[in-house]
């Protein structure tokens, strides 16, 4: 199997980090905090940066823990990934991810009677209630990280890429620092805009919020589909060769 690193590499990590930067925790909630926060621009921006720092550190520590478990497994059992039976399983998994991505698409969710933006609206309400209390903001950041971790396919894909780089835990952790910095960079940049422009940035921030709410589900759907397609394309050939007896 062609390595995921060969296909995606550092550019893939950057793309995945940018996708993660548009999630509820890294963009939607911070923008709401910037819009509804009370007090001066410095206080509002500072509290938003506190939220971003907590969620960034949460993902960094989670990523280091995942790498600490992945690296020994790859070192001991990585050769099994090239076995035909495992490739068949990975090819099926890739196809299932592509199928799932279509079901995650906001238009598909709406056709089934669902509300694609319901989750984002719920988080918006939570952010409004927590905006003026730093201790509650920290709890909200941890809650967002824990809940989003359940659907962290882009982040897991990034862990796989870093693990296949063969850089070890130390350098892998440094790469994760950069990854998490990219994740929170848009929110941090908008905090700087609030700090510099004050309430004059309200219109811009509200437009960013509406865009983030509208596109967060779609971005996740596309990412799942792309990861599934890469996985399937890199395993389906050897898997079919094995199933057909090499013919």
C-alpha atoms as a PDB file:
ATOM      1  CA  UNK A   1       0.000   0.000   0.000  1.00  0.00           C
ATOM      2  CA  UNK A   2       1.310   3.437  -0.892  1.00  0.00           C
ATOM      3  CA  UNK A   3       1.892   5.282   2.308  1.00  0.00           C
ATOM      4  CA  UNK A   4      -0.672   7.818   3.399  1.00  0.00           C
ATOM      5  CA  UNK A   5       2.282  10.060   4.015  1.00  0.00           C
ATOM      6  CA  UNK A   6       3.294   9.787   0.336  1.00  0.00           C
ATOM      7  CA  UNK A   7      -0.199  10.804  -0.741  1.00  0.00           C
ATOM      8  CA  UNK A   8      -0.937  13.523   1.773  1.00  0.00           C
ATOM      9  CA  UNK A   9       2.229  14.488   3.651  1.00  0.00           C
ATOM     10  CA  UNK A  10       2.732  17.913   5.207  1.00  0.00           C
ATOM     11  CA  UNK A  11       0.270  19.483   2.759  1.00  0.00           C
ATOM     12  CA  UNK A  12      -2.358  16.994   3.908  1.00  0.00           C
ATOM     13  CA  UNK A  13      -1.688  17.952   7.523  1.00  0.00           C
ATOM     14  CA  UNK A  14      -2.142  21.618   6.667  1.00  0.00           C
ATOM     15  CA  UNK A  15      -5.442  20.936   4.879  1.00  0.00           C
ATOM     16  CA  UNK A  16      -6.742  18.820   7.769  1.00  0.00           C
ATOM     17  CA  UNK A  17      -5.719  21.484  10.294  1.00  0.00           C
ATOM     18  CA  UNK A  18      -7.563  24.133   8.270  1.00  0.00           C
ATOM     19  CA  UNK A  19     -10.664  21.933   8.200  1.00  0.00           C
ATOM     20  CA  UNK A  20     -10.399  21.491  11.976  1.00  0.00           C
ATOM     21  CA  UNK A  21     -10.070  25.277  12.292  1.00  0.00           C
ATOM     22  CA  UNK A  22     -13.679  25.661  11.066  1.00  0.00           C
ATOM     23  CA  UNK A  23     -15.228  23.396  13.708  1.00  0.00           C
ATOM     24  CA  UNK A  24     -17.636  24.390  16.460  1.00  0.00           C
ATOM     25  CA  UNK A  25     -14.912  24.662  19.073  1.00  0.00           C
ATOM     26  CA  UNK A  26     -12.277  26.450  17.024  1.00  0.00           C
ATOM     27  CA  UNK A  27     -14.368  28.956  15.039  1.00  0.00           C
ATOM     28  CA  UNK A  28     -18.134  29.043  15.643  1.00  0.00           C
ATOM     29  CA  UNK A  29     -17.963  29.397  19.441  1.00  0.00           C
ATOM     30  CA  UNK A  30     -15.030  31.883  19.435  1.00  0.00           C
ATOM     31  CA  UNK A  31     -16.846  34.135  16.960  1.00  0.00           C
ATOM     32  CA  UNK A  32     -19.958  34.107  19.148  1.00  0.00           C
ATOM     33  CA  UNK A  33     -17.817  35.016  22.157  1.00  0.00           C
ATOM     34  CA  UNK A  34     -16.409  37.947  20.200  1.00  0.00           C
ATOM     35  CA  UNK A  35     -19.865  39.132  19.149  1.00  0.00           C
ATOM     36  CA  UNK A  36     -21.787  38.814  22.427  1.00  0.00           C
ATOM     37  CA  UNK A  37     -18.983  39.344  24.943  1.00  0.00           C
ATOM     38  CA  UNK A  38     -19.487  42.170  27.427  1.00  0.00           C
ATOM     39  CA  UNK A  39     -16.888  44.704  28.430  1.00  0.00           C
ATOM     40  CA  UNK A  40     -14.139  46.389  26.457  1.00  0.00           C
ATOM     41  CA  UNK A  41     -12.539  44.981  23.329  1.00  0.00           C
ATOM     42  CA  UNK A  42      -9.458  43.898  25.282  1.00  0.00           C
ATOM     43  CA  UNK A  43     -11.519  41.888  27.783  1.00  0.00           C
ATOM     44  CA  UNK A  44     -13.647  40.245  25.079  1.00  0.00           C
ATOM     45  CA  UNK A  45     -10.623  39.351  22.962  1.00  0.00           C
ATOM     46  CA  UNK A  46      -8.742  38.087  26.024  1.00  0.00           C
ATOM     47  CA  UNK A  47     -11.549  35.767  27.085  1.00  0.00           C
ATOM     48  CA  UNK A  48     -11.878  34.421  23.576  1.00  0.00           C
ATOM     49  CA  UNK A  49      -8.143  33.764  23.429  1.00  0.00           C
ATOM     50  CA  UNK A  50      -8.425  31.969  26.780  1.00  0.00           C
ATOM     51  CA  UNK A  51     -11.097  29.707  25.285  1.00  0.00           C
ATOM     52  CA  UNK A  52      -8.938  29.033  22.209  1.00  0.00           C
ATOM     53  CA  UNK A  53      -5.863  28.316  24.338  1.00  0.00           C
ATOM     54  CA  UNK A  54      -7.752  25.761  26.439  1.00  0.00           C
ATOM     55  CA  UNK A  55      -9.192  23.920  23.454  1.00  0.00           C
ATOM     56  CA  UNK A  56      -5.828  24.073  21.656  1.00  0.00           C
ATOM     57  CA  UNK A  57      -3.992  22.550  24.639  1.00  0.00           C
ATOM     58  CA  UNK A  58      -6.744  19.942  24.979  1.00  0.00           C
ATOM     59  CA  UNK A  59      -6.263  18.781  21.388  1.00  0.00           C
ATOM     60  CA  UNK A  60      -2.482  18.897  21.737  1.00  0.00           C
ATOM     61  CA  UNK A  61      -2.479  16.649  24.821  1.00  0.00           C
ATOM     62  CA  UNK A  62      -5.033  14.330  23.218  1.00  0.00           C
ATOM     63  CA  UNK A  63      -2.912  14.103  20.076  1.00  0.00           C
ATOM     64  CA  UNK A  64       0.261  13.348  22.042  1.00  0.00           C
ATOM     65  CA  UNK A  65      -1.589  10.594  23.913  1.00  0.00           C
ATOM     66  CA  UNK A  66      -2.826   9.131  20.617  1.00  0.00           C
ATOM     67  CA  UNK A  67       0.658   9.268  19.099  1.00  0.00           C
ATOM     68  CA  UNK A  68       2.161   7.627  22.187  1.00  0.00           C
ATOM     69  CA  UNK A  69      -0.181   4.702  21.585  1.00  0.00           C
ATOM     70  CA  UNK A  70       0.070   4.630  17.788  1.00  0.00           C
ATOM     71  CA  UNK A  71       3.849   4.720  17.397  1.00  0.00           C
ATOM     72  CA  UNK A  72       4.600   1.478  19.284  1.00  0.00           C
ATOM     73  CA  UNK A  73       1.749  -0.255  17.460  1.00  0.00           C
ATOM     74  CA  UNK A  74       3.042   0.812  14.053  1.00  0.00           C
ATOM     75  CA  UNK A  75       6.590  -0.192  14.992  1.00  0.00           C
ATOM     76  CA  UNK A  76       5.469  -3.641  16.114  1.00  0.00           C
ATOM     77  CA  UNK A  77       2.623  -4.371  13.725  1.00  0.00           C
ATOM     78  CA  UNK A  78       3.042  -1.889  10.883  1.00  0.00           C
ATOM     79  CA  UNK A  79       4.072  -4.666   8.507  1.00  0.00           C
ATOM     80  CA  UNK A  80       0.606  -6.158   8.841  1.00  0.00           C
ATOM     81  CA  UNK A  81      -0.833  -3.123   7.036  1.00  0.00           C
ATOM     82  CA  UNK A  82       0.656  -4.495   3.825  1.00  0.00           C
ATOM     83  CA  UNK A  83      -1.087  -7.847   4.145  1.00  0.00           C
ATOM     84  CA  UNK A  84      -3.849  -8.424   1.539  1.00  0.00           C
ATOM     85  CA  UNK A  85      -6.530  -9.199   4.114  1.00  0.00           C
ATOM     86  CA  UNK A  86      -5.886  -5.930   5.990  1.00  0.00           C
ATOM     87  CA  UNK A  87      -5.897  -4.031   2.700  1.00  0.00           C
ATOM     88  CA  UNK A  88      -9.292  -5.506   1.922  1.00  0.00           C
ATOM     89  CA  UNK A  89     -10.620  -4.293   5.272  1.00  0.00           C
ATOM     90  CA  UNK A  90      -9.136  -0.828   4.694  1.00  0.00           C
ATOM     91  CA  UNK A  91     -10.597  -0.685   1.179  1.00  0.00           C
ATOM     92  CA  UNK A  92     -14.050  -1.516   2.528  1.00  0.00           C
ATOM     93  CA  UNK A  93     -13.596   1.076   5.273  1.00  0.00           C
ATOM     94  CA  UNK A  94     -12.639   3.682   2.674  1.00  0.00           C
ATOM     95  CA  UNK A  95     -15.740   2.948   0.589  1.00  0.00           C
ATOM     96  CA  UNK A  96     -17.939   3.121   3.695  1.00  0.00           C
ATOM     97  CA  UNK A  97     -16.448   6.506   4.596  1.00  0.00           C
ATOM     98  CA  UNK A  98     -17.266   7.820   1.119  1.00  0.00           C
ATOM     99  CA  UNK A  99     -20.847   6.561   1.430  1.00  0.00           C
ATOM    100  CA  UNK A 100     -21.126   8.068   4.904  1.00  0.00           C
ATOM    101  CA  UNK A 101     -19.864  11.426   3.610  1.00  0.00           C
ATOM    102  CA  UNK A 102     -22.870  11.645   1.288  1.00  0.00           C
ATOM    103  CA  UNK A 103     -25.203  11.030   4.217  1.00  0.00           C
ATOM    104  CA  UNK A 104     -23.406  13.737   6.208  1.00  0.00           C
ATOM    105  CA  UNK A 105     -23.892  16.278   3.429  1.00  0.00           C
ATOM    106  CA  UNK A 106     -26.217  19.075   4.673  1.00  0.00           C
ATOM    107  CA  UNK A 107     -28.541  18.695   1.665  1.00  0.00           C
ATOM    108  CA  UNK A 108     -28.910  14.980   2.371  1.00  0.00           C
ATOM    109  CA  UNK A 109     -29.556  15.658   6.059  1.00  0.00           C
ATOM    110  CA  UNK A 110     -32.222  18.222   5.154  1.00  0.00           C
ATOM    111  CA  UNK A 111     -33.932  15.808   2.746  1.00  0.00           C
ATOM    112  CA  UNK A 112     -34.229  13.278   5.578  1.00  0.00           C
ATOM    113  CA  UNK A 113     -35.967  15.920   7.693  1.00  0.00           C
ATOM    114  CA  UNK A 114     -32.933  16.790   9.768  1.00  0.00           C
ATOM    115  CA  UNK A 115     -31.517  20.214  10.609  1.00  0.00           C
ATOM    116  CA  UNK A 116     -27.877  20.465   9.409  1.00  0.00           C
ATOM    117  CA  UNK A 117     -27.260  23.618  11.458  1.00  0.00           C
ATOM    118  CA  UNK A 118     -28.965  22.405  14.655  1.00  0.00           C
ATOM    119  CA  UNK A 119     -25.715  21.470  16.394  1.00  0.00           C
ATOM    120  CA  UNK A 120     -24.100  24.806  15.561  1.00  0.00           C
ATOM    121  CA  UNK A 121     -27.139  26.705  16.846  1.00  0.00           C
ATOM    122  CA  UNK A 122     -27.044  24.735  20.103  1.00  0.00           C
ATOM    123  CA  UNK A 123     -23.379  25.591  20.636  1.00  0.00           C
ATOM    124  CA  UNK A 124     -24.181  29.220  19.865  1.00  0.00           C
ATOM    125  CA  UNK A 125     -26.621  29.279  22.785  1.00  0.00           C
ATOM    126  CA  UNK A 126     -24.067  27.721  25.118  1.00  0.00           C
ATOM    127  CA  UNK A 127     -21.438  30.256  24.068  1.00  0.00           C
ATOM    128  CA  UNK A 128     -23.795  33.164  24.736  1.00  0.00           C
ATOM    129  CA  UNK A 129     -24.487  31.924  28.262  1.00  0.00           C
ATOM    130  CA  UNK A 130     -20.781  31.430  29.031  1.00  0.00           C
ATOM    131  CA  UNK A 131     -19.415  34.581  27.404  1.00  0.00           C
ATOM    132  CA  UNK A 132     -18.970  36.656  30.566  1.00  0.00           C
ATOM    133  CA  UNK A 133     -17.528  34.048  32.934  1.00  0.00           C
ATOM    134  CA  UNK A 134     -13.919  32.838  32.416  1.00  0.00           C
ATOM    135  CA  UNK A 135     -14.370  29.709  34.557  1.00  0.00           C
ATOM    136  CA  UNK A 136     -17.431  28.699  32.553  1.00  0.00           C
ATOM    137  CA  UNK A 137     -15.523  29.415  29.328  1.00  0.00           C
ATOM    138  CA  UNK A 138     -12.832  26.938  30.350  1.00  0.00           C
ATOM    139  CA  UNK A 139     -15.506  24.311  31.073  1.00  0.00           C
ATOM    140  CA  UNK A 140     -17.165  25.070  27.727  1.00  0.00           C
ATOM    141  CA  UNK A 141     -13.852  24.634  25.890  1.00  0.00           C
ATOM    142  CA  UNK A 142     -13.245  21.257  27.536  1.00  0.00           C
ATOM    143  CA  UNK A 143     -16.825  20.185  26.825  1.00  0.00           C
ATOM    144  CA  UNK A 144     -16.508  21.186  23.165  1.00  0.00           C
ATOM    145  CA  UNK A 145     -13.226  19.286  22.870  1.00  0.00           C
ATOM    146  CA  UNK A 146     -14.666  16.143  24.465  1.00  0.00           C
ATOM    147  CA  UNK A 147     -17.817  16.136  22.330  1.00  0.00           C
ATOM    148  CA  UNK A 148     -16.029  16.909  19.077  1.00  0.00           C
ATOM    149  CA  UNK A 149     -13.453  14.212  19.810  1.00  0.00           C
ATOM    150  CA  UNK A 150     -16.188  11.655  19.112  1.00  0.00           C
ATOM    151  CA  UNK A 151     -16.263  12.740  15.455  1.00  0.00           C
ATOM    152  CA  UNK A 152     -12.620  13.716  15.011  1.00  0.00           C
ATOM    153  CA  UNK A 153     -11.975  11.926  11.703  1.00  0.00           C
ATOM    154  CA  UNK A 154      -9.774  14.740  10.291  1.00  0.00           C
ATOM    155  CA  UNK A 155      -7.722  14.755  13.501  1.00  0.00           C
ATOM    156  CA  UNK A 156      -7.376  10.966  13.493  1.00  0.00           C
ATOM    157  CA  UNK A 157      -6.238  11.097   9.868  1.00  0.00           C
ATOM    158  CA  UNK A 158      -3.626  13.668  10.870  1.00  0.00           C
ATOM    159  CA  UNK A 159      -2.419  11.356  13.634  1.00  0.00           C
ATOM    160  CA  UNK A 160      -2.037   8.584  11.067  1.00  0.00           C
ATOM    161  CA  UNK A 161       0.039  10.817   8.799  1.00  0.00           C
ATOM    162  CA  UNK A 162       2.319  11.934  11.631  1.00  0.00           C
ATOM    163  CA  UNK A 163       2.741   8.348  12.862  1.00  0.00           C
ATOM    164  CA  UNK A 164       3.752   7.186   9.362  1.00  0.00           C
ATOM    165  CA  UNK A 165       6.357   9.944   9.102  1.00  0.00           C
ATOM    166  CA  UNK A 166       8.537   7.931  11.477  1.00  0.00           C
ATOM    167  CA  UNK A 167       9.630  11.068  13.341  1.00  0.00           C
ATOM    168  CA  UNK A 168       9.203   9.709  16.855  1.00  0.00           C
ATOM    169  CA  UNK A 169       7.125  11.045  19.703  1.00  0.00           C
ATOM    170  CA  UNK A 170       9.246  14.153  20.394  1.00  0.00           C
ATOM    171  CA  UNK A 171       9.204  15.540  16.853  1.00  0.00           C
ATOM    172  CA  UNK A 172       5.665  14.304  16.402  1.00  0.00           C
ATOM    173  CA  UNK A 173       4.622  16.391  19.393  1.00  0.00           C
ATOM    174  CA  UNK A 174       6.282  19.447  17.829  1.00  0.00           C
ATOM    175  CA  UNK A 175       4.372  18.840  14.600  1.00  0.00           C
ATOM    176  CA  UNK A 176       1.205  18.615  16.677  1.00  0.00           C
ATOM    177  CA  UNK A 177       1.998  21.987  18.232  1.00  0.00           C
ATOM    178  CA  UNK A 178       2.040  23.466  14.734  1.00  0.00           C
ATOM    179  CA  UNK A 179      -1.135  21.597  13.782  1.00  0.00           C
ATOM    180  CA  UNK A 180      -3.029  22.877  16.821  1.00  0.00           C
ATOM    181  CA  UNK A 181      -1.684  26.392  16.231  1.00  0.00           C
ATOM    182  CA  UNK A 182      -3.176  26.329  12.722  1.00  0.00           C
ATOM    183  CA  UNK A 183      -6.444  24.997  14.191  1.00  0.00           C
ATOM    184  CA  UNK A 184      -6.902  28.023  16.436  1.00  0.00           C
ATOM    185  CA  UNK A 185      -5.247  30.598  14.165  1.00  0.00           C
ATOM    186  CA  UNK A 186      -8.455  31.886  12.464  1.00  0.00           C
ATOM    187  CA  UNK A 187     -10.168  32.394  15.819  1.00  0.00           C
ATOM    188  CA  UNK A 188      -7.066  34.098  17.218  1.00  0.00           C
ATOM    189  CA  UNK A 189      -6.869  36.367  14.158  1.00  0.00           C
ATOM    190  CA  UNK A 190     -10.509  37.380  14.597  1.00  0.00           C
ATOM    191  CA  UNK A 191      -9.772  38.111  18.270  1.00  0.00           C
ATOM    192  CA  UNK A 192      -7.046  40.476  17.113  1.00  0.00           C
ATOM    193  CA  UNK A 193      -9.551  42.127  14.762  1.00  0.00           C
ATOM    194  CA  UNK A 194     -11.941  42.632  17.704  1.00  0.00           C
ATOM    195  CA  UNK A 195      -9.101  44.054  19.800  1.00  0.00           C
ATOM    196  CA  UNK A 196      -8.132  46.556  17.102  1.00  0.00           C
ATOM    197  CA  UNK A 197     -11.566  47.547  15.804  1.00  0.00           C
ATOM    198  CA  UNK A 198     -13.830  47.051  18.826  1.00  0.00           C
ATOM    199  CA  UNK A 199     -17.540  47.080  17.992  1.00  0.00           C
ATOM    200  CA  UNK A 200     -16.771  48.222  14.465  1.00  0.00           C
ATOM    201  CA  UNK A 201     -15.932  44.561  13.767  1.00  0.00           C
ATOM    202  CA  UNK A 202     -19.462  43.367  14.635  1.00  0.00           C
ATOM    203  CA  UNK A 203     -20.701  43.139  11.046  1.00  0.00           C
ATOM    204  CA  UNK A 204     -17.621  41.208   9.916  1.00  0.00           C
ATOM    205  CA  UNK A 205     -17.785  38.819  12.865  1.00  0.00           C
ATOM    206  CA  UNK A 206     -21.487  38.178  12.364  1.00  0.00           C
ATOM    207  CA  UNK A 207     -20.894  37.326   8.696  1.00  0.00           C
ATOM    208  CA  UNK A 208     -18.079  34.951   9.684  1.00  0.00           C
ATOM    209  CA  UNK A 209     -20.366  33.337  12.243  1.00  0.00           C
ATOM    210  CA  UNK A 210     -23.153  32.775   9.716  1.00  0.00           C
ATOM    211  CA  UNK A 211     -20.661  31.356   7.219  1.00  0.00           C
ATOM    212  CA  UNK A 212     -19.134  29.026   9.806  1.00  0.00           C
ATOM    213  CA  UNK A 213     -22.534  27.746  10.964  1.00  0.00           C
ATOM    214  CA  UNK A 214     -23.623  27.161   7.363  1.00  0.00           C
ATOM    215  CA  UNK A 215     -20.466  25.424   6.146  1.00  0.00           C
ATOM    216  CA  UNK A 216     -19.163  23.510   9.191  1.00  0.00           C
ATOM    217  CA  UNK A 217     -21.219  20.371   8.442  1.00  0.00           C
ATOM    218  CA  UNK A 218     -20.386  20.518   4.728  1.00  0.00           C
ATOM    219  CA  UNK A 219     -16.652  20.830   5.363  1.00  0.00           C
ATOM    220  CA  UNK A 220     -16.734  17.784   7.632  1.00  0.00           C
ATOM    221  CA  UNK A 221     -18.673  15.833   4.991  1.00  0.00           C
ATOM    222  CA  UNK A 222     -16.127  16.657   2.282  1.00  0.00           C
ATOM    223  CA  UNK A 223     -13.205  15.735   4.547  1.00  0.00           C
ATOM    224  CA  UNK A 224     -14.697  12.339   5.404  1.00  0.00           C
ATOM    225  CA  UNK A 225     -15.248  11.659   1.704  1.00  0.00           C
ATOM    226  CA  UNK A 226     -11.726  12.670   0.708  1.00  0.00           C
ATOM    227  CA  UNK A 227     -10.117  10.557   3.441  1.00  0.00           C
ATOM    228  CA  UNK A 228     -12.281   7.600   2.424  1.00  0.00           C
ATOM    229  CA  UNK A 229     -11.378   8.021  -1.249  1.00  0.00           C
ATOM    230  CA  UNK A 230      -7.635   8.182  -0.498  1.00  0.00           C
ATOM    231  CA  UNK A 231      -7.894   5.094   1.685  1.00  0.00           C
ATOM    232  CA  UNK A 232      -9.894   3.135  -0.892  1.00  0.00           C
ATOM    233  CA  UNK A 233      -7.742   4.113  -3.883  1.00  0.00           C
ATOM    234  CA  UNK A 234      -4.552   3.032  -2.095  1.00  0.00           C
ATOM    235  CA  UNK A 235      -5.867  -0.363  -1.023  1.00  0.00           C
ATOM    236  CA  UNK A 236      -8.485  -1.529  -3.493  1.00  0.00           C
ATOM    237  CA  UNK A 237      -5.962  -2.625  -6.158  1.00  0.00           C
ATOM    238  CA  UNK A 238      -3.980  -5.048  -3.953  1.00  0.00           C
ATOM    239  CA  UNK A 239      -7.217  -6.176  -2.277  1.00  0.00           C
ATOM    240  CA  UNK A 240      -8.835  -7.092  -5.625  1.00  0.00           C
ATOM    241  CA  UNK A 241      -5.633  -8.813  -6.749  1.00  0.00           C
ATOM    242  CA  UNK A 242      -5.749 -10.953  -3.593  1.00  0.00           C
ATOM    243  CA  UNK A 243      -9.447 -11.730  -3.996  1.00  0.00           C
ATOM    244  CA  UNK A 244      -9.002 -12.809  -7.623  1.00  0.00           C
ATOM    245  CA  UNK A 245      -5.989 -14.975  -6.861  1.00  0.00           C
ATOM    246  CA  UNK A 246      -3.539 -12.629  -8.498  1.00  0.00           C
ATOM    247  CA  UNK A 247      -5.181 -12.707 -11.899  1.00  0.00           C
END
